[in-house]
Amino acid sequence: MKKSPASYGGDLLKTRRGRAHGRPLSTQNTMHLVLRSSLANRQWSFRRRANDRQVRAIIARFAARYGVTIKRLTNAGNHLHLHLKLTKRQTYKAFIKAVTGAIAMAITGASRWKTLKQAIAETYFKGELRDLYRKGVLRFWDRRPFTRIVYGFQGLSSMRDYLNLNELEMTGYTRAQARAIIASSSTGPPRA
């Protein structure tokens, strides 16, 4: 019997193989979710204190509403990593729509009356705005959310190390230094 794929979204959608199946969801295993935005830099960066607070509050609010357990949230500035567990498969769609829409509106200031295009025009410098239009960046999120079902202890361990690596890189370590720190400690770096 063929093993079904555990990942969907993000850059995988650029390939035929990545688009050949639907998004796998699991209520028995945890999942790794990645949300990425190229526009999340400077004053729209998720790492800014006010933005980080808003993002965490939005995720907590909708997680409680839709019965999603957030095991860990890692903020990498222009993308977010969530380790989560669904209680019902049907709630994923409503949860992800609510979270992505609310975060985009909270960070950019876009609303029913102010489009994202207007919010970009108010925030970015004219030269950068021209470059963004040339690249075709008219959406806040780069691609559809990437999800991966995490199977077993090996999967949990590798995901934990990857999230720790991301956190260390955000604090100023190079990728090689961060890998050395993670390899030297059996449980990973202490979390604040």
C-alpha atoms as a PDB file:
ATOM      1  CA  MET A   1       0.000   0.000   0.000  1.00  0.00           C
ATOM      2  CA  LYS A   2       1.311   3.444  -0.952  1.00  0.00           C
ATOM      3  CA  LYS A   3       2.148   5.815   1.898  1.00  0.00           C
ATOM      4  CA  SER A   4       0.142   9.041   1.696  1.00  0.00           C
ATOM      5  CA  PRO A   5       2.077  12.323   1.764  1.00  0.00           C
ATOM      6  CA  ALA A   6       2.221  14.183   5.072  1.00  0.00           C
ATOM      7  CA  SER A   7       3.002  17.698   3.719  1.00  0.00           C
ATOM      8  CA  TYR A   8       1.081  20.244   1.697  1.00  0.00           C
ATOM      9  CA  GLY A   9       1.292  23.923   0.785  1.00  0.00           C
ATOM     10  CA  GLY A  10       4.063  26.496   0.579  1.00  0.00           C
ATOM     11  CA  ASP A  11       6.661  25.848  -2.119  1.00  0.00           C
ATOM     12  CA  LEU A  12       5.352  22.315  -2.639  1.00  0.00           C
ATOM     13  CA  LEU A  13       2.510  23.776  -4.701  1.00  0.00           C
ATOM     14  CA  LYS A  14       5.023  24.766  -7.403  1.00  0.00           C
ATOM     15  CA  THR A  15       5.381  21.110  -8.382  1.00  0.00           C
ATOM     16  CA  ARG A  16       2.881  18.799 -10.014  1.00  0.00           C
ATOM     17  CA  ARG A  17       3.507  16.182  -7.347  1.00  0.00           C
ATOM     18  CA  GLY A  18       2.794  18.731  -4.608  1.00  0.00           C
ATOM     19  CA  ARG A  19      -0.544  19.648  -6.179  1.00  0.00           C
ATOM     20  CA  ALA A  20      -1.591  16.062  -6.877  1.00  0.00           C
ATOM     21  CA  HIS A  21      -3.314  15.542  -3.530  1.00  0.00           C
ATOM     22  CA  GLY A  22      -5.294  17.474  -0.960  1.00  0.00           C
ATOM     23  CA  ARG A  23      -4.089  18.808   2.370  1.00  0.00           C
ATOM     24  CA  PRO A  24      -3.597  15.960   4.854  1.00  0.00           C
ATOM     25  CA  LEU A  25      -5.006  16.735   8.305  1.00  0.00           C
ATOM     26  CA  SER A  26      -4.730  14.709  11.478  1.00  0.00           C
ATOM     27  CA  THR A  27      -6.499  14.809  14.818  1.00  0.00           C
ATOM     28  CA  GLN A  28      -4.383  11.990  16.287  1.00  0.00           C
ATOM     29  CA  ASN A  29      -0.967  13.516  15.540  1.00  0.00           C
ATOM     30  CA  THR A  30       0.286  17.067  15.914  1.00  0.00           C
ATOM     31  CA  MET A  31       0.962  19.296  12.913  1.00  0.00           C
ATOM     32  CA  HIS A  32       3.601  21.824  11.906  1.00  0.00           C
ATOM     33  CA  LEU A  33       2.142  24.950  10.256  1.00  0.00           C
ATOM     34  CA  VAL A  34       4.186  27.691   8.550  1.00  0.00           C
ATOM     35  CA  LEU A  35       2.803  31.101   7.509  1.00  0.00           C
ATOM     36  CA  ARG A  36       5.207  33.287   5.467  1.00  0.00           C
ATOM     37  CA  SER A  37       4.975  36.917   4.322  1.00  0.00           C
ATOM     38  CA  SER A  38       7.595  38.863   2.362  1.00  0.00           C
ATOM     39  CA  LEU A  39       5.880  42.091   3.403  1.00  0.00           C
ATOM     40  CA  ALA A  40       6.497  41.354   7.093  1.00  0.00           C
ATOM     41  CA  ASN A  41       9.608  43.470   7.481  1.00  0.00           C
ATOM     42  CA  ARG A  42      10.463  46.869   8.949  1.00  0.00           C
ATOM     43  CA  GLN A  43       7.411  48.168  10.788  1.00  0.00           C
ATOM     44  CA  TRP A  44       5.304  45.189   9.646  1.00  0.00           C
ATOM     45  CA  SER A  45       7.781  42.633  11.006  1.00  0.00           C
ATOM     46  CA  PHE A  46       6.199  40.007  13.237  1.00  0.00           C
ATOM     47  CA  ARG A  47       9.178  40.421  15.617  1.00  0.00           C
ATOM     48  CA  ARG A  48       8.287  43.991  16.587  1.00  0.00           C
ATOM     49  CA  ARG A  49       6.958  43.971  20.129  1.00  0.00           C
ATOM     50  CA  ALA A  50       3.499  45.367  19.326  1.00  0.00           C
ATOM     51  CA  ASN A  51       3.076  43.106  16.281  1.00  0.00           C
ATOM     52  CA  ASP A  52       4.266  40.028  18.189  1.00  0.00           C
ATOM     53  CA  ARG A  53       1.723  40.722  20.931  1.00  0.00           C
ATOM     54  CA  GLN A  54      -1.069  41.130  18.373  1.00  0.00           C
ATOM     55  CA  VAL A  55      -0.114  37.948  16.508  1.00  0.00           C
ATOM     56  CA  ARG A  56      -0.014  35.874  19.690  1.00  0.00           C
ATOM     57  CA  ALA A  57      -3.347  37.283  20.871  1.00  0.00           C
ATOM     58  CA  ILE A  58      -5.024  36.591  17.510  1.00  0.00           C
ATOM     59  CA  ILE A  59      -3.741  33.027  17.382  1.00  0.00           C
ATOM     60  CA  ALA A  60      -4.777  32.355  20.986  1.00  0.00           C
ATOM     61  CA  ARG A  61      -8.257  33.813  20.411  1.00  0.00           C
ATOM     62  CA  PHE A  62      -9.024  31.754  17.310  1.00  0.00           C
ATOM     63  CA  ALA A  63      -7.376  28.627  18.715  1.00  0.00           C
ATOM     64  CA  ALA A  64      -9.766  28.786  21.675  1.00  0.00           C
ATOM     65  CA  ARG A  65     -12.727  29.452  19.400  1.00  0.00           C
ATOM     66  CA  TYR A  66     -12.046  26.547  17.035  1.00  0.00           C
ATOM     67  CA  GLY A  67     -10.667  24.009  19.520  1.00  0.00           C
ATOM     68  CA  VAL A  68      -7.075  24.059  18.270  1.00  0.00           C
ATOM     69  CA  THR A  69      -4.317  23.417  20.799  1.00  0.00           C
ATOM     70  CA  ILE A  70      -1.190  25.504  20.175  1.00  0.00           C
ATOM     71  CA  LYS A  71       1.782  23.546  21.525  1.00  0.00           C
ATOM     72  CA  ARG A  72       4.412  26.078  20.417  1.00  0.00           C
ATOM     73  CA  LEU A  73       4.610  29.309  18.419  1.00  0.00           C
ATOM     74  CA  THR A  74       7.910  30.498  16.969  1.00  0.00           C
ATOM     75  CA  ASN A  75       8.093  33.978  15.496  1.00  0.00           C
ATOM     76  CA  ALA A  76      10.859  34.355  12.894  1.00  0.00           C
ATOM     77  CA  GLY A  77      10.137  37.916  11.773  1.00  0.00           C
ATOM     78  CA  ASN A  78       8.778  37.259   8.296  1.00  0.00           C
ATOM     79  CA  HIS A  79       7.233  33.875   9.023  1.00  0.00           C
ATOM     80  CA  LEU A  80       5.530  32.024  11.844  1.00  0.00           C
ATOM     81  CA  HIS A  81       5.917  28.385  12.885  1.00  0.00           C
ATOM     82  CA  LEU A  82       3.099  26.770  14.839  1.00  0.00           C
ATOM     83  CA  HIS A  83       3.094  23.336  16.408  1.00  0.00           C
ATOM     84  CA  LEU A  84      -0.588  22.565  16.840  1.00  0.00           C
ATOM     85  CA  LYS A  85      -3.129  19.828  17.388  1.00  0.00           C
ATOM     86  CA  LEU A  86      -6.602  19.800  15.863  1.00  0.00           C
ATOM     87  CA  THR A  87      -9.606  18.434  17.729  1.00  0.00           C
ATOM     88  CA  LYS A  88     -11.741  18.230  14.567  1.00  0.00           C
ATOM     89  CA  ARG A  89     -10.614  18.145  10.949  1.00  0.00           C
ATOM     90  CA  GLN A  90     -13.461  20.438   9.922  1.00  0.00           C
ATOM     91  CA  THR A  91     -12.212  23.322  12.083  1.00  0.00           C
ATOM     92  CA  TYR A  92      -8.861  23.705  10.284  1.00  0.00           C
ATOM     93  CA  LYS A  93     -10.322  25.671   7.373  1.00  0.00           C
ATOM     94  CA  ALA A  94     -12.193  28.156   9.564  1.00  0.00           C
ATOM     95  CA  PHE A  95      -9.189  28.507  11.909  1.00  0.00           C
ATOM     96  CA  ILE A  96      -6.663  29.222   9.161  1.00  0.00           C
ATOM     97  CA  LYS A  97      -8.956  31.675   7.346  1.00  0.00           C
ATOM     98  CA  ALA A  98      -9.638  33.591  10.555  1.00  0.00           C
ATOM     99  CA  VAL A  99      -5.999  33.658  11.698  1.00  0.00           C
ATOM    100  CA  THR A 100      -4.457  34.681   8.361  1.00  0.00           C
ATOM    101  CA  GLY A 101      -7.065  37.362   7.701  1.00  0.00           C
ATOM    102  CA  ALA A 102      -6.901  38.828  11.197  1.00  0.00           C
ATOM    103  CA  ILE A 103      -3.082  38.884  11.268  1.00  0.00           C
ATOM    104  CA  ALA A 104      -2.884  40.558   7.838  1.00  0.00           C
ATOM    105  CA  MET A 105      -5.395  43.212   8.877  1.00  0.00           C
ATOM    106  CA  ALA A 106      -3.789  43.825  12.273  1.00  0.00           C
ATOM    107  CA  ILE A 107      -0.230  44.163  10.922  1.00  0.00           C
ATOM    108  CA  THR A 108      -0.961  46.257   7.814  1.00  0.00           C
ATOM    109  CA  GLY A 109      -3.877  48.325   9.028  1.00  0.00           C
ATOM    110  CA  ALA A 110      -5.928  47.172   6.032  1.00  0.00           C
ATOM    111  CA  SER A 111      -9.650  46.936   6.597  1.00  0.00           C
ATOM    112  CA  ARG A 112     -12.972  46.843   4.853  1.00  0.00           C
ATOM    113  CA  TRP A 113     -12.439  50.519   3.934  1.00  0.00           C
ATOM    114  CA  LYS A 114      -8.686  50.486   3.255  1.00  0.00           C
ATOM    115  CA  THR A 115      -7.349  47.864   0.834  1.00  0.00           C
ATOM    116  CA  LEU A 116      -3.975  46.185   1.211  1.00  0.00           C
ATOM    117  CA  LYS A 117      -2.771  48.158  -1.816  1.00  0.00           C
ATOM    118  CA  GLN A 118      -3.581  51.426  -0.016  1.00  0.00           C
ATOM    119  CA  ALA A 119      -1.927  50.181   3.186  1.00  0.00           C
ATOM    120  CA  ILE A 120       1.234  49.301   1.235  1.00  0.00           C
ATOM    121  CA  ALA A 121       1.208  52.706  -0.467  1.00  0.00           C
ATOM    122  CA  GLU A 122       1.019  54.461   2.927  1.00  0.00           C
ATOM    123  CA  THR A 123       3.759  52.365   4.531  1.00  0.00           C
ATOM    124  CA  TYR A 124       6.460  51.641   1.971  1.00  0.00           C
ATOM    125  CA  PHE A 125       8.760  54.136   0.277  1.00  0.00           C
ATOM    126  CA  LYS A 126       7.915  54.961  -3.327  1.00  0.00           C
ATOM    127  CA  GLY A 127      10.900  53.069  -4.808  1.00  0.00           C
ATOM    128  CA  GLU A 128      10.153  49.959  -2.758  1.00  0.00           C
ATOM    129  CA  LEU A 129       6.495  50.157  -3.695  1.00  0.00           C
ATOM    130  CA  ARG A 130       7.406  50.193  -7.396  1.00  0.00           C
ATOM    131  CA  ASP A 131       9.644  47.140  -6.874  1.00  0.00           C
ATOM    132  CA  LEU A 132       6.853  45.320  -5.004  1.00  0.00           C
ATOM    133  CA  TYR A 133       4.407  45.952  -7.850  1.00  0.00           C
ATOM    134  CA  ARG A 134       6.954  44.677 -10.379  1.00  0.00           C
ATOM    135  CA  LYS A 135       7.387  41.489  -8.351  1.00  0.00           C
ATOM    136  CA  GLY A 136       3.622  41.102  -8.222  1.00  0.00           C
ATOM    137  CA  VAL A 137       3.377  41.333  -4.430  1.00  0.00           C
ATOM    138  CA  LEU A 138      -0.214  42.395  -3.987  1.00  0.00           C
ATOM    139  CA  ARG A 139      -1.020  39.916  -1.207  1.00  0.00           C
ATOM    140  CA  PHE A 140       0.199  39.846   2.354  1.00  0.00           C
ATOM    141  CA  TRP A 141       0.876  36.097   2.520  1.00  0.00           C
ATOM    142  CA  ASP A 142       3.352  34.679  -0.014  1.00  0.00           C
ATOM    143  CA  ARG A 143       1.731  31.277  -0.538  1.00  0.00           C
ATOM    144  CA  ARG A 144      -0.824  28.978   0.954  1.00  0.00           C
ATOM    145  CA  PRO A 145       0.077  27.809   4.456  1.00  0.00           C
ATOM    146  CA  PHE A 146       2.518  24.907   4.647  1.00  0.00           C
ATOM    147  CA  THR A 147       1.412  22.040   6.886  1.00  0.00           C
ATOM    148  CA  ARG A 148       3.080  18.777   7.792  1.00  0.00           C
ATOM    149  CA  ILE A 149       1.792  16.009  10.002  1.00  0.00           C
ATOM    150  CA  VAL A 150       4.366  15.139  12.653  1.00  0.00           C
ATOM    151  CA  TYR A 151       4.644  11.373  13.133  1.00  0.00           C
ATOM    152  CA  GLY A 152       6.330   9.762  16.138  1.00  0.00           C
ATOM    153  CA  PHE A 153       9.165  10.739  18.418  1.00  0.00           C
ATOM    154  CA  GLN A 154      11.652  11.197  15.562  1.00  0.00           C
ATOM    155  CA  GLY A 155       9.347  13.709  13.866  1.00  0.00           C
ATOM    156  CA  LEU A 156       8.748  15.605  17.110  1.00  0.00           C
ATOM    157  CA  SER A 157      12.460  15.689  17.847  1.00  0.00           C
ATOM    158  CA  SER A 158      13.428  16.981  14.412  1.00  0.00           C
ATOM    159  CA  MET A 159      10.683  19.615  14.485  1.00  0.00           C
ATOM    160  CA  ARG A 160      11.752  20.773  17.950  1.00  0.00           C
ATOM    161  CA  ASP A 161      15.353  21.113  16.746  1.00  0.00           C
ATOM    162  CA  TYR A 162      14.219  23.023  13.647  1.00  0.00           C
ATOM    163  CA  LEU A 163      12.173  25.478  15.735  1.00  0.00           C
ATOM    164  CA  ASN A 164      15.084  25.928  18.150  1.00  0.00           C
ATOM    165  CA  LEU A 165      17.371  26.562  15.161  1.00  0.00           C
ATOM    166  CA  ASN A 166      14.987  29.251  13.897  1.00  0.00           C
ATOM    167  CA  GLU A 167      14.847  30.930  17.316  1.00  0.00           C
ATOM    168  CA  LEU A 168      18.646  30.958  17.617  1.00  0.00           C
ATOM    169  CA  GLU A 169      19.021  32.443  14.130  1.00  0.00           C
ATOM    170  CA  MET A 170      16.601  35.219  15.062  1.00  0.00           C
ATOM    171  CA  THR A 171      18.723  36.098  18.106  1.00  0.00           C
ATOM    172  CA  GLY A 172      21.798  36.647  15.912  1.00  0.00           C
ATOM    173  CA  TYR A 173      23.555  33.300  15.595  1.00  0.00           C
ATOM    174  CA  THR A 174      24.558  32.022  12.165  1.00  0.00           C
ATOM    175  CA  ARG A 175      22.984  28.766  11.008  1.00  0.00           C
ATOM    176  CA  ALA A 176      26.247  26.873  11.632  1.00  0.00           C
ATOM    177  CA  GLN A 177      26.577  28.279  15.159  1.00  0.00           C
ATOM    178  CA  ALA A 178      22.933  27.486  15.924  1.00  0.00           C
ATOM    179  CA  ARG A 179      23.355  23.896  14.694  1.00  0.00           C
ATOM    180  CA  ALA A 180      26.452  23.490  16.878  1.00  0.00           C
ATOM    181  CA  ILE A 181      24.558  24.748  19.936  1.00  0.00           C
ATOM    182  CA  ILE A 182      21.649  22.389  19.278  1.00  0.00           C
ATOM    183  CA  ALA A 183      23.957  19.430  18.640  1.00  0.00           C
ATOM    184  CA  SER A 184      25.922  20.071  21.843  1.00  0.00           C
ATOM    185  CA  SER A 185      22.844  20.027  24.061  1.00  0.00           C
ATOM    186  CA  SER A 186      20.626  16.977  24.178  1.00  0.00           C
ATOM    187  CA  THR A 187      17.437  18.921  24.940  1.00  0.00           C
ATOM    188  CA  GLY A 188      18.217  22.024  22.877  1.00  0.00           C
ATOM    189  CA  PRO A 189      18.801  25.542  24.181  1.00  0.00           C
ATOM    190  CA  PRO A 190      16.831  26.761  27.172  1.00  0.00           C
ATOM    191  CA  ARG A 191      13.649  28.563  26.214  1.00  0.00           C
ATOM    192  CA  ALA A 192      12.812  31.895  27.731  1.00  0.00           C
END
